[in-house]
Protein backbone atom coordinates (compact mmCIF):
# COMPACT_ATOMS: atom_id res chain seq x y z
CA MET A 1 -57.73 168.38 -34.82
CA ILE A 2 -60.38 167.03 -32.48
CA ASN A 3 -60.16 163.26 -31.97
CA GLY A 4 -63.17 161.59 -30.35
CA ILE A 5 -66.96 161.35 -30.42
CA ILE A 6 -69.67 163.96 -29.90
CA ILE A 7 -73.26 162.79 -29.41
CA VAL A 8 -75.44 165.03 -31.54
CA SER A 9 -79.14 165.39 -30.82
CA LYS A 10 -80.37 165.41 -34.42
CA GLU A 11 -83.26 167.69 -35.20
CA GLN A 12 -86.13 166.94 -37.56
CA GLU A 13 -85.66 167.58 -41.29
CA TYR A 14 -81.87 167.27 -41.05
CA THR A 15 -80.34 164.28 -42.81
CA SER A 16 -77.44 162.53 -41.12
CA HIS A 17 -75.19 163.94 -43.88
CA ASP A 18 -76.52 167.44 -43.11
CA VAL A 19 -75.40 166.97 -39.51
CA VAL A 20 -71.91 165.94 -40.61
CA ALA A 21 -71.69 168.99 -42.90
CA LYS A 22 -72.77 171.27 -40.04
CA MET A 23 -70.28 169.65 -37.68
CA ARG A 24 -67.44 170.17 -40.17
CA GLY A 25 -68.23 173.88 -40.12
CA ILE A 26 -68.57 174.08 -36.35
CA CYS A 27 -65.44 172.04 -35.57
CA ARG A 28 -63.45 173.48 -38.49
CA GLN A 29 -62.17 170.13 -39.66
CA LYS A 30 -63.03 167.82 -42.55
CA LYS A 31 -62.41 164.42 -40.98
CA ILE A 32 -65.85 163.73 -39.52
CA GLY A 33 -68.33 160.87 -40.01
CA HIS A 34 -71.57 159.59 -38.48
CA THR A 35 -72.43 156.18 -37.07
CA GLY A 36 -75.73 155.02 -38.51
CA THR A 37 -78.28 156.90 -40.57
CA LEU A 38 -81.34 158.50 -39.03
CA ASP A 39 -84.24 159.37 -41.34
CA PRO A 40 -84.69 163.13 -41.93
CA ASN A 41 -87.96 163.16 -39.96
CA ALA A 42 -86.47 161.22 -37.06
CA THR A 43 -84.75 162.94 -34.14
CA GLY A 44 -82.36 161.94 -31.41
CA VAL A 45 -79.03 160.33 -30.75
CA LEU A 46 -76.52 160.49 -33.62
CA PRO A 47 -72.92 159.79 -32.52
CA VAL A 48 -70.51 161.77 -34.71
CA CYS A 49 -66.88 160.67 -34.97
CA LEU A 50 -64.08 163.20 -35.36
CA GLY A 51 -60.44 162.76 -36.40
CA ASN A 52 -59.03 159.32 -35.68
CA ALA A 53 -62.41 158.27 -34.24
CA THR A 54 -63.78 158.00 -37.80
CA LYS A 55 -62.29 154.49 -37.78
CA LEU A 56 -65.07 153.65 -35.35
CA CYS A 57 -67.95 154.55 -37.68
CA ASP A 58 -68.59 151.03 -39.00
CA MET A 59 -68.01 149.43 -35.61
CA LEU A 60 -70.50 151.63 -33.77
CA THR A 61 -73.36 150.91 -36.18
CA ASP A 62 -73.36 147.28 -34.97
CA HIS A 63 -74.72 148.07 -31.52
CA ASP A 64 -78.30 147.78 -30.28
CA LYS A 65 -80.57 150.82 -30.41
CA GLU A 66 -83.50 152.20 -28.47
CA TYR A 67 -86.32 154.38 -29.79
CA ILE A 68 -89.49 156.13 -28.72
CA ALA A 69 -92.07 156.00 -31.50
CA GLU A 70 -95.63 157.20 -31.93
CA PHE A 71 -98.03 155.55 -34.36
CA GLU A 72 -101.63 156.05 -35.38
CA LEU A 73 -104.01 153.19 -36.10
CA GLY A 74 -106.49 153.18 -38.97
CA LYS A 75 -104.12 154.52 -41.64
CA ILE A 76 -101.60 153.07 -44.09
CA SER A 77 -98.84 154.76 -46.06
CA ASP A 78 -96.46 153.93 -48.92
CA THR A 79 -93.56 155.01 -46.66
CA LEU A 80 -95.08 153.35 -43.55
CA ASP A 81 -95.08 156.75 -41.83
CA ILE A 82 -97.13 159.95 -41.82
CA TRP A 83 -94.79 161.69 -44.27
CA GLY A 84 -95.72 159.50 -47.21
CA GLU A 85 -98.94 159.11 -49.18
CA VAL A 86 -101.41 158.32 -46.42
CA THR A 87 -104.69 156.45 -46.87
CA VAL A 88 -107.38 156.05 -44.21
CA THR A 89 -108.49 152.42 -43.97
CA ASP A 90 -112.06 151.15 -43.77
CA ALA A 91 -111.45 149.54 -40.36
CA ASP A 92 -113.44 150.84 -37.42
CA VAL A 93 -110.67 151.59 -34.93
CA SER A 94 -113.22 152.50 -32.27
CA LEU A 95 -114.00 148.78 -31.93
CA LEU A 96 -110.43 148.04 -30.75
CA THR A 97 -109.86 147.61 -27.04
CA GLU A 98 -106.70 148.71 -25.25
CA GLU A 99 -106.12 145.13 -24.10
CA THR A 100 -106.16 143.83 -27.68
CA VAL A 101 -103.72 146.51 -28.80
CA LYS A 102 -101.41 145.74 -25.84
CA GLN A 103 -101.36 142.04 -26.65
CA VAL A 104 -100.35 142.70 -30.27
CA ILE A 105 -97.65 145.21 -29.27
CA TYR A 106 -96.05 142.83 -26.77
CA SER A 107 -96.21 140.01 -29.33
CA MET A 108 -93.61 141.92 -31.35
CA GLU A 109 -90.89 141.10 -28.82
CA GLY A 110 -88.29 138.47 -29.69
CA ASP A 111 -86.57 137.19 -32.82
CA GLN A 112 -88.27 137.79 -36.15
CA MET A 113 -87.65 138.32 -39.86
CA GLN A 114 -88.23 141.80 -41.23
CA VAL A 115 -88.39 142.97 -44.86
CA PRO A 116 -86.65 146.36 -45.28
CA PRO A 117 -89.14 149.00 -46.48
CA MET A 118 -88.78 150.43 -49.99
CA TYR A 119 -88.39 153.91 -48.53
CA SER A 120 -85.11 153.22 -46.73
CA ALA A 121 -81.40 153.90 -47.22
CA LYS A 122 -80.61 150.21 -47.64
CA LYS A 123 -78.78 149.50 -50.90
CA ILE A 124 -79.55 146.79 -53.45
CA ASP A 125 -77.14 146.47 -56.38
CA GLY A 126 -75.59 149.79 -55.39
CA LYS A 127 -78.88 151.70 -55.45
CA LYS A 128 -80.58 153.08 -52.36
CA LEU A 129 -84.10 151.70 -52.04
CA TYR A 130 -85.69 155.11 -51.51
CA GLU A 131 -84.19 156.29 -54.82
CA LEU A 132 -85.83 153.37 -56.60
CA ALA A 133 -89.10 153.96 -54.74
CA ARG A 134 -89.19 157.61 -55.79
CA ALA A 135 -88.71 156.49 -59.39
CA GLY A 136 -91.74 154.21 -59.04
CA ILE A 137 -89.64 151.04 -59.02
CA GLU A 138 -90.27 148.34 -56.44
CA VAL A 139 -87.75 145.53 -56.06
CA GLU A 140 -87.81 142.29 -54.12
CA ARG A 141 -86.16 142.60 -50.70
CA LYS A 142 -84.99 139.68 -48.62
CA ALA A 143 -86.20 139.46 -45.06
CA VAL A 144 -83.41 139.85 -42.52
CA PRO A 145 -83.29 138.62 -38.92
CA ILE A 146 -83.87 141.23 -36.19
CA HIS A 147 -84.39 141.04 -32.46
CA VAL A 148 -86.72 143.19 -30.38
CA SER A 149 -85.55 142.82 -26.80
CA GLU A 150 -88.18 145.04 -25.23
CA MET A 151 -91.48 146.76 -26.08
CA GLU A 152 -92.98 149.21 -23.61
CA ILE A 153 -96.20 151.18 -23.97
CA LEU A 154 -95.63 154.74 -22.77
CA GLU A 155 -98.97 156.28 -23.76
CA MET A 156 -102.19 154.97 -25.25
CA ALA A 157 -105.00 157.25 -26.40
CA LEU A 158 -106.46 155.27 -29.29
CA PRO A 159 -106.03 155.59 -32.17
CA LYS A 160 -102.58 156.92 -31.13
CA VAL A 161 -99.99 154.94 -29.20
CA VAL A 162 -96.48 155.81 -27.98
CA ILE A 163 -94.03 152.93 -27.48
CA ARG A 164 -90.43 152.42 -26.47
CA VAL A 165 -88.55 149.85 -28.55
CA ALA A 166 -85.18 148.29 -27.69
CA CYS A 167 -83.88 146.39 -30.69
CA SER A 168 -80.96 145.10 -32.70
CA LYS A 169 -79.21 147.08 -35.42
CA GLY A 170 -80.96 147.27 -38.77
CA THR A 171 -84.45 147.24 -37.26
CA TYR A 172 -86.97 149.52 -38.97
CA ILE A 173 -89.38 150.95 -36.41
CA ARG A 174 -91.74 152.09 -39.19
CA SER A 175 -92.10 148.46 -40.21
CA ILE A 176 -92.83 147.38 -36.63
CA CYS A 177 -95.59 150.00 -36.39
CA ALA A 178 -97.03 148.89 -39.74
CA ASP A 179 -96.88 145.23 -38.64
CA ILE A 180 -98.79 146.07 -35.46
CA GLY A 181 -101.47 147.73 -37.58
CA GLU A 182 -101.62 144.75 -39.91
CA LYS A 183 -102.02 142.30 -37.03
CA LEU A 184 -104.86 144.42 -35.69
CA GLY A 185 -106.47 144.48 -39.13
CA CYS A 186 -106.67 148.25 -39.32
CA GLY A 187 -103.26 149.45 -40.50
CA ALA A 188 -100.91 151.89 -38.76
CA VAL A 189 -98.50 154.67 -39.69
CA MET A 190 -95.61 155.95 -37.60
CA THR A 191 -96.11 159.62 -36.72
CA ALA A 192 -92.94 160.39 -34.70
CA LEU A 193 -89.59 158.74 -33.99
CA GLU A 194 -86.80 159.59 -31.58
CA ARG A 195 -83.65 157.52 -31.06
CA THR A 196 -82.81 157.66 -27.37
CA LYS A 197 -79.89 155.24 -27.29
CA ALA A 198 -77.29 153.89 -29.73
CA GLY A 199 -75.02 151.38 -28.04
CA MET A 200 -73.35 153.17 -25.11
CA PHE A 201 -74.46 156.63 -26.30
CA LEU A 202 -77.49 158.08 -24.51
CA LYS A 203 -79.96 160.91 -25.12
CA GLU A 204 -79.07 162.62 -21.83
CA ASN A 205 -75.48 163.05 -23.04
CA SER A 206 -76.42 164.50 -26.44
CA TYR A 207 -76.22 168.12 -27.63
CA SER A 208 -78.04 170.09 -30.31
CA LEU A 209 -76.04 171.68 -33.11
CA ALA A 210 -76.76 175.10 -31.58
CA GLN A 211 -75.37 173.99 -28.21
CA ILE A 212 -72.27 172.55 -29.87
CA GLN A 213 -71.73 175.82 -31.76
CA THR A 214 -71.98 177.77 -28.48
CA LEU A 215 -69.43 175.52 -26.81
CA ARG A 216 -67.11 175.98 -29.78
CA ASP A 217 -67.47 179.76 -29.57
CA GLU A 218 -66.58 179.56 -25.87
CA ASN A 219 -63.57 177.28 -26.57
CA ARG A 220 -65.21 174.56 -24.44
CA LEU A 221 -65.83 171.93 -27.12
CA GLU A 222 -63.42 169.45 -25.55
CA GLU A 223 -65.79 169.21 -22.57
CA ILE A 224 -68.25 167.11 -24.59
CA VAL A 225 -65.79 165.06 -26.66
CA ILE A 226 -65.84 161.38 -25.67
CA PRO A 227 -62.36 159.81 -26.03
CA VAL A 228 -62.01 156.88 -28.44
CA GLU A 229 -60.65 154.73 -25.64
CA THR A 230 -64.04 154.92 -23.87
CA CYS A 231 -65.47 152.58 -26.53
CA PHE A 232 -63.04 149.83 -25.50
CA GLU A 233 -63.21 150.01 -21.71
CA GLN A 234 -64.25 146.35 -21.58
CA TYR A 235 -60.69 145.41 -22.53
CA GLU A 236 -57.69 145.23 -20.21
CA ARG A 237 -55.48 148.36 -20.23
CA ILE A 238 -51.72 147.85 -20.60
CA LEU A 239 -48.91 150.39 -20.94
CA VAL A 240 -45.75 149.80 -22.95
CA LYS A 241 -42.33 150.33 -21.46
CA PRO A 242 -40.59 153.57 -22.57
CA PHE A 243 -38.07 151.81 -24.85
CA ALA A 244 -40.94 150.26 -26.88
CA GLU A 245 -42.87 153.46 -27.63
CA LYS A 246 -41.41 153.83 -31.13
CA MET A 247 -42.52 150.28 -31.98
CA LEU A 248 -46.01 151.11 -30.70
CA LYS A 249 -46.28 154.33 -32.70
CA ASN A 250 -45.14 152.50 -35.86
CA GLY A 251 -47.93 149.95 -35.42
CA ASN A 252 -45.57 147.01 -34.93
CA GLU A 253 -46.18 143.78 -33.07
CA LEU A 254 -45.04 144.03 -29.46
CA HIS A 255 -43.29 141.35 -27.44
CA TYR A 256 -44.53 140.71 -23.92
CA ASP A 257 -41.24 142.02 -22.50
CA MET A 258 -42.14 145.43 -23.98
CA LEU A 259 -45.33 145.58 -21.89
CA THR A 260 -45.77 146.51 -18.25
CA LYS A 261 -47.81 143.32 -17.74
CA ILE A 262 -48.76 140.17 -19.62
CA PRO A 263 -52.24 140.22 -21.24
CA THR A 264 -54.82 137.95 -19.64
CA THR A 265 -57.47 138.33 -22.35
CA GLU A 266 -57.58 137.99 -26.15
CA LYS A 267 -57.84 141.75 -26.71
CA CYS A 268 -56.30 144.59 -24.74
CA ARG A 269 -55.94 148.36 -24.86
CA ILE A 270 -52.34 149.42 -25.44
CA CYS A 271 -51.10 152.83 -24.31
CA ASP A 272 -47.72 154.53 -24.34
CA ALA A 273 -45.67 154.87 -21.16
CA LYS A 274 -47.58 158.05 -20.21
CA GLY A 275 -51.00 156.47 -20.69
CA GLN A 276 -51.86 157.85 -24.14
CA PHE A 277 -54.19 155.34 -25.85
CA TYR A 278 -52.94 154.00 -29.19
CA GLY A 279 -55.17 151.09 -30.04
CA VAL A 280 -56.59 147.65 -29.36
CA PHE A 281 -54.20 144.72 -29.78
CA LEU A 282 -54.74 140.99 -30.10
CA ALA A 283 -52.75 138.56 -27.99
CA TRP A 284 -51.05 136.36 -30.60
CA ASN A 285 -51.25 132.57 -30.51
CA ASP A 286 -47.57 132.25 -29.63
CA LYS A 287 -48.39 133.78 -26.22
CA LYS A 288 -45.33 135.98 -26.61
CA THR A 289 -46.59 138.95 -28.67
CA VAL A 290 -49.58 141.21 -29.25
CA LYS A 291 -50.43 142.53 -32.71
CA PRO A 292 -52.51 145.59 -33.73
CA TRP A 293 -56.24 145.03 -34.26
CA LYS A 294 -57.46 148.65 -34.38
CA MET A 295 -54.97 151.52 -34.24
CA PHE A 296 -55.97 155.06 -33.29
CA LEU A 297 -52.84 157.12 -33.72
CA PRO A 298 -53.33 160.69 -32.46
CA GLU A 299 -53.94 162.99 -35.43
CA GLU A 300 -53.17 166.69 -35.74
CA GLY A 301 -54.30 169.26 -38.25
């Protein structure tokens, strides 16, 4: 069984679940999960967790993201993007100046409250919003806090604009594009979206499904698997002494005298005597033991 993370470059029209299904076939194992949904029409970085790395799925969705998005002014849509029911507005976009558009785009930086769009995978009372929307049902959604750390204009050829957005988790780029259009008084729909970064995972380290299949056929898949331990490199690394390996593998608390050094931080990476990573441990309040926080026992199959 493969244990670790592969950064998939998701193609358009694939759902995130489609990618997982494809990866199960390519990697020939069932234990696979993704870390944060991308809309079918969006492309880009989708970290996929394999084997014991599936324990990371929820953790990795918490990280900041970065996107490149294109939007077109002068249109509105029920889905806030070009793939919904699009209506051309009465506004004369030709009257807009580039300077005005720039000012509105940069005003989107910072903390704000955002209402999740109806056409989204967010659940309310166990139902996905897009399922309700397709049934013609609109429900009240509470605004949630988001943070846009950076907006950058990459191209501007009005009425189309391409922007780079660095933002917190749970941010809907479609909504940001629509809000820009609303502030300008002309409406806007997103016409393309690519995720270029998800936490520590970058576009330049991602692979298409076809490339991953080729590597599998060549028995080179391990070359692109990111070890689970990589996600915790900010924590101190400590090995256990040989006599304590059984305690480690059983997920027990470990006394300081079982470790090769005393932890200096609240959390630390614990490895066996040979350096095999087993998990992240918490230094207990008694300052004598560490206890498991997240265990990643090597899995076979």
